[in-house]
Amino acid sequence: NPNYKTQPQNMLLARATAECARLIAADVLMGMPYSAEELADANDDTAPAPKTRKISRKKAEPAPAPEPEVTPPAPDNGADEATA
Protein backbone atom coordinates (compact mmCIF):
# COMPACT_ATOMS: atom_id res chain seq x y z
CA ASN A 1 0.00 0.00 0.00
CA PRO A 2 1.61 3.31 -1.05
CA ASN A 3 0.03 5.16 1.88
CA TYR A 4 2.37 3.33 4.25
CA LYS A 5 5.30 4.92 2.43
CA THR A 6 3.83 8.42 2.32
CA GLN A 7 2.04 8.51 5.70
CA PRO A 8 3.37 5.64 7.81
CA GLN A 9 2.43 7.15 11.16
CA ASN A 10 -1.17 7.86 10.15
CA MET A 11 -1.62 4.40 8.66
CA LEU A 12 -0.29 2.67 11.76
CA LEU A 13 -2.49 4.83 13.97
CA ALA A 14 -5.57 4.01 11.91
CA ARG A 15 -4.75 0.32 11.98
CA ALA A 16 -4.14 0.32 15.73
CA THR A 17 -7.35 2.27 16.38
CA ALA A 18 -9.41 -0.20 14.37
CA GLU A 19 -7.81 -3.16 16.12
CA CYS A 20 -8.43 -1.65 19.57
CA ALA A 21 -12.03 -0.93 18.68
CA ARG A 22 -12.49 -4.56 17.59
CA LEU A 23 -11.02 -5.80 20.87
CA ILE A 24 -12.78 -3.41 23.23
CA ALA A 25 -16.21 -2.98 21.65
CA ALA A 26 -16.73 -6.08 19.53
CA ASP A 27 -20.37 -6.36 20.62
CA VAL A 28 -21.16 -2.77 19.58
CA LEU A 29 -19.35 -3.00 16.25
CA MET A 30 -21.04 -6.34 15.49
CA GLY A 31 -18.04 -7.78 13.74
CA MET A 32 -16.67 -4.71 11.96
CA PRO A 33 -15.14 -6.05 8.75
CA TYR A 34 -11.48 -5.59 7.94
CA SER A 35 -10.66 -3.06 5.25
CA ALA A 36 -9.02 -4.09 1.99
CA GLU A 37 -5.75 -2.52 3.14
CA GLU A 38 -5.74 -4.53 6.36
CA LEU A 39 -6.39 -7.76 4.50
CA ALA A 40 -3.67 -6.97 1.96
CA ASP A 41 -1.18 -6.39 4.76
CA ALA A 42 -1.78 -9.79 6.33
CA ASN A 43 1.37 -11.86 6.61
CA ASP A 44 1.08 -14.72 4.15
CA ASP A 45 4.75 -15.58 4.40
CA THR A 46 4.56 -17.14 7.83
CA ALA A 47 6.35 -20.43 8.15
CA PRO A 48 4.29 -23.49 8.99
CA ALA A 49 4.46 -24.70 12.54
CA PRO A 50 7.14 -27.32 13.15
CA LYS A 51 5.89 -30.85 13.44
CA THR A 52 5.77 -32.11 16.96
CA ARG A 53 7.17 -35.42 18.04
CA LYS A 54 5.08 -37.80 20.00
CA ILE A 55 6.82 -38.84 23.17
CA SER A 56 5.50 -41.95 24.81
CA ARG A 57 6.15 -42.78 28.40
CA LYS A 58 7.03 -46.17 29.73
CA LYS A 59 4.09 -48.01 31.13
CA ALA A 60 4.09 -48.26 34.89
CA GLU A 61 4.88 -51.65 36.29
CA PRO A 62 1.95 -53.23 38.11
CA ALA A 63 2.04 -52.93 41.87
CA PRO A 64 3.25 -56.11 43.57
CA ALA A 65 0.50 -58.29 44.96
CA PRO A 66 0.27 -58.05 48.74
CA GLU A 67 1.47 -61.08 50.64
CA PRO A 68 -1.37 -62.93 52.38
CA GLU A 69 -1.27 -62.60 56.14
CA VAL A 70 -0.55 -65.87 57.89
CA THR A 71 -1.90 -66.15 61.43
CA PRO A 72 -0.25 -68.85 63.50
CA PRO A 73 -2.63 -71.45 64.92
CA ALA A 74 -3.56 -71.07 68.57
CA PRO A 75 -1.61 -73.40 70.88
CA ASP A 76 -3.74 -76.31 72.04
CA ASN A 77 -1.61 -77.14 75.12
CA GLY A 78 -2.01 -80.85 74.54
CA ALA A 79 -5.78 -80.83 75.22
CA ASP A 80 -8.01 -82.64 72.81
CA GLU A 81 -11.34 -81.01 71.99
CA ALA A 82 -13.16 -84.38 72.03
CA THR A 83 -12.17 -85.15 75.61
CA ALA A 84 -12.91 -81.76 77.01
PDB file of N, CA and C in Angstrom:
ATOM      1  N   ASN A   1       0.847  -1.170   0.000  1.00  0.00           N
ATOM      2  CA  ASN A   1       0.000   0.000   0.000  1.00  0.00           C
ATOM      3  C   ASN A   1       0.899   1.243   0.000  1.00  0.00           C
ATOM      4  N   PRO A   2       0.739   2.126  -0.969  1.00  0.00           N
ATOM      5  CA  PRO A   2       1.614   3.307  -1.046  1.00  0.00           C
ATOM      6  C   PRO A   2       1.402   4.283   0.106  1.00  0.00           C
ATOM      7  N   ASN A   3       0.254   4.247   0.752  1.00  0.00           N
ATOM      8  CA  ASN A   3       0.030   5.164   1.876  1.00  0.00           C
ATOM      9  C   ASN A   3       0.984   4.886   3.033  1.00  0.00           C
ATOM     10  N   TYR A   4       1.416   3.648   3.181  1.00  0.00           N
ATOM     11  CA  TYR A   4       2.366   3.332   4.252  1.00  0.00           C
ATOM     12  C   TYR A   4       3.706   4.019   4.003  1.00  0.00           C
ATOM     13  N   LYS A   5       4.041   4.245   2.741  1.00  0.00           N
ATOM     14  CA  LYS A   5       5.303   4.922   2.434  1.00  0.00           C
ATOM     15  C   LYS A   5       5.174   6.432   2.572  1.00  0.00           C
ATOM     16  N   THR A   6       3.995   6.970   2.242  1.00  0.00           N
ATOM     17  CA  THR A   6       3.834   8.423   2.317  1.00  0.00           C
ATOM     18  C   THR A   6       3.396   8.888   3.693  1.00  0.00           C
ATOM     19  N   GLN A   7       2.553   8.120   4.374  1.00  0.00           N
ATOM     20  CA  GLN A   7       2.036   8.510   5.697  1.00  0.00           C
ATOM     21  C   GLN A   7       2.103   7.323   6.659  1.00  0.00           C
ATOM     22  N   PRO A   8       3.277   6.859   6.992  1.00  0.00           N
ATOM     23  CA  PRO A   8       3.366   5.641   7.809  1.00  0.00           C
ATOM     24  C   PRO A   8       2.766   5.802   9.202  1.00  0.00           C
ATOM     25  N   GLN A   9       2.948   6.958   9.801  1.00  0.00           N
ATOM     26  CA  GLN A   9       2.432   7.148  11.156  1.00  0.00           C
ATOM     27  C   GLN A   9       0.905   7.138  11.172  1.00  0.00           C
ATOM     28  N   ASN A  10       0.294   7.816  10.218  1.00  0.00           N
ATOM     29  CA  ASN A  10      -1.168   7.857  10.155  1.00  0.00           C
ATOM     30  C   ASN A  10      -1.755   6.478   9.862  1.00  0.00           C
ATOM     31  N   MET A  11      -1.106   5.729   9.003  1.00  0.00           N
ATOM     32  CA  MET A  11      -1.617   4.399   8.660  1.00  0.00           C
ATOM     33  C   MET A  11      -1.525   3.459   9.857  1.00  0.00           C
ATOM     34  N   LEU A  12      -0.423   3.523  10.578  1.00  0.00           N
ATOM     35  CA  LEU A  12      -0.290   2.668  11.756  1.00  0.00           C
ATOM     36  C   LEU A  12      -1.283   3.066  12.838  1.00  0.00           C
ATOM     37  N   LEU A  13      -1.520   4.363  12.983  1.00  0.00           N
ATOM     38  CA  LEU A  13      -2.487   4.832  13.968  1.00  0.00           C
ATOM     39  C   LEU A  13      -3.896   4.363  13.608  1.00  0.00           C
ATOM     40  N   ALA A  14      -4.247   4.458  12.340  1.00  0.00           N
ATOM     41  CA  ALA A  14      -5.571   4.006  11.911  1.00  0.00           C
ATOM     42  C   ALA A  14      -5.722   2.503  12.115  1.00  0.00           C
ATOM     43  N   ARG A  15      -4.689   1.784  11.812  1.00  0.00           N
ATOM     44  CA  ARG A  15      -4.745   0.324  11.980  1.00  0.00           C
ATOM     45  C   ARG A  15      -4.863  -0.053  13.453  1.00  0.00           C
ATOM     46  N   ALA A  16      -4.087   0.607  14.300  1.00  0.00           N
ATOM     47  CA  ALA A  16      -4.136   0.318  15.734  1.00  0.00           C
ATOM     48  C   ALA A  16      -5.484   0.710  16.327  1.00  0.00           C
ATOM     49  N   THR A  17      -6.040   1.833  15.878  1.00  0.00           N
ATOM     50  CA  THR A  17      -7.346   2.268  16.375  1.00  0.00           C
ATOM     51  C   THR A  17      -8.424   1.257  16.015  1.00  0.00           C
ATOM     52  N   ALA A  18      -8.415   0.789  14.790  1.00  0.00           N
ATOM     53  CA  ALA A  18      -9.410  -0.199  14.366  1.00  0.00           C
ATOM     54  C   ALA A  18      -9.260  -1.498  15.150  1.00  0.00           C
ATOM     55  N   GLU A  19      -8.035  -1.913  15.382  1.00  0.00           N
ATOM     56  CA  GLU A  19      -7.813  -3.163  16.122  1.00  0.00           C
ATOM     57  C   GLU A  19      -8.260  -3.025  17.569  1.00  0.00           C
ATOM     58  N   CYS A  20      -7.978  -1.882  18.192  1.00  0.00           N
ATOM     59  CA  CYS A  20      -8.428  -1.653  19.573  1.00  0.00           C
ATOM     60  C   CYS A  20      -9.945  -1.628  19.652  1.00  0.00           C
ATOM     61  N   ALA A  21     -10.569  -0.981  18.684  1.00  0.00           N
ATOM     62  CA  ALA A  21     -12.033  -0.934  18.677  1.00  0.00           C
ATOM     63  C   ALA A  21     -12.614  -2.333  18.545  1.00  0.00           C
ATOM     64  N   ARG A  22     -12.002  -3.174  17.727  1.00  0.00           N
ATOM     65  CA  ARG A  22     -12.491  -4.555  17.587  1.00  0.00           C
ATOM     66  C   ARG A  22     -12.342  -5.325  18.894  1.00  0.00           C
ATOM     67  N   LEU A  23     -11.256  -5.078  19.617  1.00  0.00           N
ATOM     68  CA  LEU A  23     -11.024  -5.795  20.871  1.00  0.00           C
ATOM     69  C   LEU A  23     -11.920  -5.295  21.998  1.00  0.00           C
ATOM     70  N   ILE A  24     -12.069  -3.986  22.098  1.00  0.00           N
ATOM     71  CA  ILE A  24     -12.785  -3.408  23.232  1.00  0.00           C
ATOM     72  C   ILE A  24     -14.293  -3.456  23.040  1.00  0.00           C
ATOM     73  N   ALA A  25     -14.766  -3.125  21.859  1.00  0.00           N
ATOM     74  CA  ALA A  25     -16.208  -2.983  21.648  1.00  0.00           C
ATOM     75  C   ALA A  25     -16.704  -3.893  20.537  1.00  0.00           C
ATOM     76  N   ALA A  26     -16.331  -5.145  20.578  1.00  0.00           N
ATOM     77  CA  ALA A  26     -16.733  -6.080  19.527  1.00  0.00           C
ATOM     78  C   ALA A  26     -18.246  -6.229  19.459  1.00  0.00           C
ATOM     79  N   ASP A  27     -18.918  -6.195  20.614  1.00  0.00           N
ATOM     80  CA  ASP A  27     -20.371  -6.359  20.618  1.00  0.00           C
ATOM     81  C   ASP A  27     -21.071  -5.163  19.980  1.00  0.00           C
ATOM     82  N   VAL A  28     -20.543  -3.969  20.154  1.00  0.00           N
ATOM     83  CA  VAL A  28     -21.158  -2.770  19.580  1.00  0.00           C
ATOM     84  C   VAL A  28     -20.901  -2.704  18.079  1.00  0.00           C
ATOM     85  N   LEU A  29     -19.705  -3.067  17.667  1.00  0.00           N
ATOM     86  CA  LEU A  29     -19.350  -3.004  16.252  1.00  0.00           C
ATOM     87  C   LEU A  29     -19.958  -4.144  15.452  1.00  0.00           C
ATOM     88  N   MET A  30     -20.420  -5.174  16.127  1.00  0.00           N
ATOM     89  CA  MET A  30     -21.042  -6.344  15.494  1.00  0.00           C
ATOM     90  C   MET A  30     -20.172  -6.907  14.374  1.00  0.00           C
ATOM     91  N   GLY A  31     -18.934  -7.150  14.706  1.00  0.00           N
ATOM     92  CA  GLY A  31     -18.038  -7.777  13.737  1.00  0.00           C
ATOM     93  C   GLY A  31     -17.625  -6.842  12.621  1.00  0.00           C
ATOM     94  N   MET A  32     -17.110  -5.679  12.963  1.00  0.00           N
ATOM     95  CA  MET A  32     -16.669  -4.707  11.962  1.00  0.00           C
ATOM     96  C   MET A  32     -15.710  -5.395  10.995  1.00  0.00           C
ATOM     97  N   PRO A  33     -16.003  -5.339   9.708  1.00  0.00           N
ATOM     98  CA  PRO A  33     -15.137  -6.047   8.754  1.00  0.00           C
ATOM     99  C   PRO A  33     -13.780  -5.360   8.619  1.00  0.00           C
ATOM    100  N   TYR A  34     -12.812  -6.138   8.193  1.00  0.00           N
ATOM    101  CA  TYR A  34     -11.482  -5.593   7.941  1.00  0.00           C
ATOM    102  C   TYR A  34     -11.506  -4.857   6.605  1.00  0.00           C
ATOM    103  N   SER A  35     -10.735  -3.809   6.515  1.00  0.00           N
ATOM    104  CA  SER A  35     -10.656  -3.063   5.254  1.00  0.00           C
ATOM    105  C   SER A  35      -9.763  -3.826   4.277  1.00  0.00           C
ATOM    106  N   ALA A  36      -9.825  -3.424   3.015  1.00  0.00           N
ATOM    107  CA  ALA A  36      -9.017  -4.089   1.994  1.00  0.00           C
ATOM    108  C   ALA A  36      -7.534  -3.920   2.288  1.00  0.00           C
ATOM    109  N   GLU A  37      -7.158  -2.759   2.828  1.00  0.00           N
ATOM    110  CA  GLU A  37      -5.747  -2.521   3.143  1.00  0.00           C
ATOM    111  C   GLU A  37      -5.265  -3.447   4.250  1.00  0.00           C
ATOM    112  N   GLU A  38      -6.127  -3.654   5.248  1.00  0.00           N
ATOM    113  CA  GLU A  38      -5.740  -4.530   6.358  1.00  0.00           C
ATOM    114  C   GLU A  38      -5.586  -5.966   5.887  1.00  0.00           C
ATOM    115  N   LEU A  39      -6.484  -6.395   5.012  1.00  0.00           N
ATOM    116  CA  LEU A  39      -6.388  -7.758   4.504  1.00  0.00           C
ATOM    117  C   LEU A  39      -5.178  -7.926   3.594  1.00  0.00           C
ATOM    118  N   ALA A  40      -4.834  -6.893   2.850  1.00  0.00           N
ATOM    119  CA  ALA A  40      -3.670  -6.973   1.961  1.00  0.00           C
ATOM    120  C   ALA A  40      -2.377  -7.019   2.754  1.00  0.00           C
ATOM    121  N   ASP A  41      -2.395  -6.424   3.945  1.00  0.00           N
ATOM    122  CA  ASP A  41      -1.184  -6.391   4.763  1.00  0.00           C
ATOM    123  C   ASP A  41      -0.972  -7.659   5.572  1.00  0.00           C
ATOM    124  N   ALA A  42      -1.901  -8.566   5.523  1.00  0.00           N
ATOM    125  CA  ALA A  42      -1.780  -9.787   6.327  1.00  0.00           C
ATOM    126  C   ALA A  42      -0.524 -10.540   5.906  1.00  0.00           C
ATOM    127  N   ASN A  43       0.143 -11.103   6.874  1.00  0.00           N
ATOM    128  CA  ASN A  43       1.366 -11.857   6.608  1.00  0.00           C
ATOM    129  C   ASN A  43       1.016 -13.221   6.041  1.00  0.00           C
ATOM    130  N   ASP A  44       1.301 -13.414   4.768  1.00  0.00           N
ATOM    131  CA  ASP A  44       1.084 -14.720   4.151  1.00  0.00           C
ATOM    132  C   ASP A  44       2.373 -15.525   4.098  1.00  0.00           C
ATOM    133  N   ASP A  45       3.464 -14.913   4.499  1.00  0.00           N
ATOM    134  CA  ASP A  45       4.750 -15.583   4.397  1.00  0.00           C
ATOM    135  C   ASP A  45       5.170 -16.223   5.718  1.00  0.00           C
ATOM    136  N   THR A  46       4.209 -16.506   6.564  1.00  0.00           N
ATOM    137  CA  THR A  46       4.562 -17.141   7.830  1.00  0.00           C
ATOM    138  C   THR A  46       4.933 -18.591   7.584  1.00  0.00           C
ATOM    139  N   ALA A  47       5.887 -19.051   8.300  1.00  0.00           N
ATOM    140  CA  ALA A  47       6.349 -20.430   8.155  1.00  0.00           C
ATOM    141  C   ALA A  47       5.369 -21.367   8.848  1.00  0.00           C
ATOM    142  N   PRO A  48       5.184 -22.549   8.309  1.00  0.00           N
ATOM    143  CA  PRO A  48       4.295 -23.494   8.987  1.00  0.00           C
ATOM    144  C   PRO A  48       4.885 -23.919  10.326  1.00  0.00           C
ATOM    145  N   ALA A  49       4.016 -24.279  11.212  1.00  0.00           N
ATOM    146  CA  ALA A  49       4.459 -24.697  12.544  1.00  0.00           C
ATOM    147  C   ALA A  49       5.286 -25.971  12.424  1.00  0.00           C
ATOM    148  N   PRO A  50       6.334 -26.096  13.217  1.00  0.00           N
ATOM    149  CA  PRO A  50       7.139 -27.320  13.153  1.00  0.00           C
ATOM    150  C   PRO A  50       6.327 -28.516  13.641  1.00  0.00           C
ATOM    151  N   LYS A  51       6.600 -29.640  13.031  1.00  0.00           N
ATOM    152  CA  LYS A  51       5.887 -30.851  13.440  1.00  0.00           C
ATOM    153  C   LYS A  51       6.364 -31.273  14.816  1.00  0.00           C
ATOM    154  N   THR A  52       5.418 -31.687  15.615  1.00  0.00           N
ATOM    155  CA  THR A  52       5.773 -32.109  16.964  1.00  0.00           C
ATOM    156  C   THR A  52       6.027 -33.602  16.982  1.00  0.00           C
ATOM    157  N   ARG A  53       6.891 -33.998  17.883  1.00  0.00           N
ATOM    158  CA  ARG A  53       7.175 -35.423  18.044  1.00  0.00           C
ATOM    159  C   ARG A  53       6.302 -35.961  19.146  1.00  0.00           C
ATOM    160  N   LYS A  54       5.868 -37.167  18.962  1.00  0.00           N
ATOM    161  CA  LYS A  54       5.076 -37.801  20.001  1.00  0.00           C
ATOM    162  C   LYS A  54       6.035 -38.538  20.924  1.00  0.00           C
ATOM    163  N   ILE A  55       5.966 -38.202  22.183  1.00  0.00           N
ATOM    164  CA  ILE A  55       6.822 -38.837  23.175  1.00  0.00           C
ATOM    165  C   ILE A  55       5.945 -39.744  24.016  1.00  0.00           C
ATOM    166  N   SER A  56       6.302 -41.023  24.014  1.00  0.00           N
ATOM    167  CA  SER A  56       5.503 -41.950  24.815  1.00  0.00           C
ATOM    168  C   SER A  56       6.272 -42.302  26.079  1.00  0.00           C
ATOM    169  N   ARG A  57       5.541 -42.443  27.121  1.00  0.00           N
ATOM    170  CA  ARG A  57       6.152 -42.783  28.405  1.00  0.00           C
ATOM    171  C   ARG A  57       6.127 -44.290  28.591  1.00  0.00           C
ATOM    172  N   LYS A  58       7.040 -44.755  29.411  1.00  0.00           N
ATOM    173  CA  LYS A  58       7.035 -46.174  29.732  1.00  0.00           C
ATOM    174  C   LYS A  58       5.814 -46.471  30.579  1.00  0.00           C
ATOM    175  N   LYS A  59       5.243 -47.625  30.334  1.00  0.00           N
ATOM    176  CA  LYS A  59       4.087 -48.007  31.134  1.00  0.00           C
ATOM    177  C   LYS A  59       4.553 -48.359  32.536  1.00  0.00           C
ATOM    178  N   ALA A  60       3.750 -47.987  33.489  1.00  0.00           N
ATOM    179  CA  ALA A  60       4.093 -48.256  34.887  1.00  0.00           C
ATOM    180  C   ALA A  60       3.996 -49.752  35.147  1.00  0.00           C
ATOM    181  N   GLU A  61       4.930 -50.235  35.924  1.00  0.00           N
ATOM    182  CA  GLU A  61       4.879 -51.650  36.286  1.00  0.00           C
ATOM    183  C   GLU A  61       3.741 -51.855  37.273  1.00  0.00           C
ATOM    184  N   PRO A  62       3.063 -53.000  37.173  1.00  0.00           N
ATOM    185  CA  PRO A  62       1.954 -53.226  38.107  1.00  0.00           C
ATOM    186  C   PRO A  62       2.477 -53.324  39.539  1.00  0.00           C
ATOM    187  N   ALA A  63       1.656 -52.885  40.457  1.00  0.00           N
ATOM    188  CA  ALA A  63       2.041 -52.934  41.870  1.00  0.00           C
ATOM    189  C   ALA A  63       2.150 -54.394  42.299  1.00  0.00           C
ATOM    190  N   PRO A  64       3.125 -54.713  43.129  1.00  0.00           N
ATOM    191  CA  PRO A  64       3.252 -56.107  43.566  1.00  0.00           C
ATOM    192  C   PRO A  64       2.027 -56.517  44.388  1.00  0.00           C
ATOM    193  N   ALA A  65       1.656 -57.778  44.224  1.00  0.00           N
ATOM    194  CA  ALA A  65       0.500 -58.293  44.963  1.00  0.00           C
ATOM    195  C   ALA A  65       0.860 -58.384  46.442  1.00  0.00           C
ATOM    196  N   PRO A  66      -0.038 -57.976  47.312  1.00  0.00           N
ATOM    197  CA  PRO A  66       0.275 -58.049  48.744  1.00  0.00           C
ATOM    198  C   PRO A  66       0.366 -59.504  49.202  1.00  0.00           C
ATOM    199  N   GLU A  67       1.299 -59.734  50.087  1.00  0.00           N
ATOM    200  CA  GLU A  67       1.468 -61.079  50.643  1.00  0.00           C
ATOM    201  C   GLU A  67       0.285 -61.385  51.561  1.00  0.00           C
ATOM    202  N   PRO A  68      -0.272 -62.590  51.479  1.00  0.00           N
ATOM    203  CA  PRO A  68      -1.373 -62.928  52.385  1.00  0.00           C
ATOM    204  C   PRO A  68      -0.858 -63.024  53.823  1.00  0.00           C
ATOM    205  N   GLU A  69      -1.667 -62.548  54.735  1.00  0.00           N
ATOM    206  CA  GLU A  69      -1.268 -62.600  56.142  1.00  0.00           C
ATOM    207  C   GLU A  69      -1.487 -64.019  56.673  1.00  0.00           C
ATOM    208  N   VAL A  70      -0.466 -64.526  57.318  1.00  0.00           N
ATOM    209  CA  VAL A  70      -0.550 -65.869  57.893  1.00  0.00           C
ATOM    210  C   VAL A  70      -0.664 -65.705  59.402  1.00  0.00           C
ATOM    211  N   THR A  71      -1.749 -66.205  59.967  1.00  0.00           N
ATOM    212  CA  THR A  71      -1.901 -66.155  61.427  1.00  0.00           C
ATOM    213  C   THR A  71      -1.533 -67.520  61.978  1.00  0.00           C
ATOM    214  N   PRO A  72      -0.650 -67.548  62.944  1.00  0.00           N
ATOM    215  CA  PRO A  72      -0.251 -68.846  63.503  1.00  0.00           C
ATOM    216  C   PRO A  72      -1.435 -69.478  64.245  1.00  0.00           C
ATOM    217  N   PRO A  73      -1.528 -70.787  64.194  1.00  0.00           N
ATOM    218  CA  PRO A  73      -2.628 -71.454  64.915  1.00  0.00           C
ATOM    219  C   PRO A  73      -2.466 -71.276  66.428  1.00  0.00           C
ATOM    220  N   ALA A  74      -3.588 -71.231  67.110  1.00  0.00           N
ATOM    221  CA  ALA A  74      -3.559 -71.074  68.571  1.00  0.00           C
ATOM    222  C   ALA A  74      -2.989 -72.343  69.197  1.00  0.00           C
ATOM    223  N   PRO A  75      -2.163 -72.201  70.217  1.00  0.00           N
ATOM    224  CA  PRO A  75      -1.607 -73.403  70.875  1.00  0.00           C
ATOM    225  C   PRO A  75      -2.731 -74.182  71.568  1.00  0.00           C
ATOM    226  N   ASP A  76      -2.675 -75.500  71.423  1.00  0.00           N
ATOM    227  CA  ASP A  76      -3.740 -76.309  72.040  1.00  0.00           C
ATOM    228  C   ASP A  76      -3.330 -76.889  73.388  1.00  0.00           C
ATOM    229  N   ASN A  77      -2.115 -76.708  73.816  1.00  0.00           N
ATOM    230  CA  ASN A  77      -1.609 -77.137  75.121  1.00  0.00           C
ATOM    231  C   ASN A  77      -1.855 -78.618  75.398  1.00  0.00           C
ATOM    232  N   GLY A  78      -1.872 -79.407  74.349  1.00  0.00           N
ATOM    233  CA  GLY A  78      -2.013 -80.848  74.536  1.00  0.00           C
ATOM    234  C   GLY A  78      -3.424 -81.295  74.845  1.00  0.00           C
ATOM    235  N   ALA A  79      -4.397 -80.433  74.920  1.00  0.00           N
ATOM    236  CA  ALA A  79      -5.777 -80.830  75.224  1.00  0.00           C
ATOM    237  C   ALA A  79      -6.482 -81.161  73.932  1.00  0.00           C
ATOM    238  N   ASP A  80      -7.252 -82.216  73.965  1.00  0.00           N
ATOM    239  CA  ASP A  80      -8.014 -82.640  72.808  1.00  0.00           C
ATOM    240  C   ASP A  80      -9.434 -82.130  72.959  1.00  0.00           C
ATOM    241  N   GLU A  81      -9.999 -81.588  71.893  1.00  0.00           N
ATOM    242  CA  GLU A  81     -11.339 -81.014  71.988  1.00  0.00           C
ATOM    243  C   GLU A  81     -12.389 -82.092  72.265  1.00  0.00           C
ATOM    244  N   ALA A  82     -12.172 -83.309  71.835  1.00  0.00           N
ATOM    245  CA  ALA A  82     -13.162 -84.375  72.028  1.00  0.00           C
ATOM    246  C   ALA A  82     -13.232 -84.799  73.490  1.00  0.00           C
ATOM    247  N   THR A  83     -12.171 -84.712  74.216  1.00  0.00           N
ATOM    248  CA  THR A  83     -12.173 -85.151  75.607  1.00  0.00           C
ATOM    249  C   THR A  83     -12.536 -84.042  76.566  1.00  0.00           C
ATOM    250  N   ALA A  84     -12.647 -82.855  76.101  1.00  0.00           N
ATOM    251  CA  ALA A  84     -12.908 -81.757  77.012  1.00  0.00           C
ATOM    252  C   ALA A  84     -14.307 -81.605  77.379  1.00  0.00           C
TER     253      ALA A  84
END
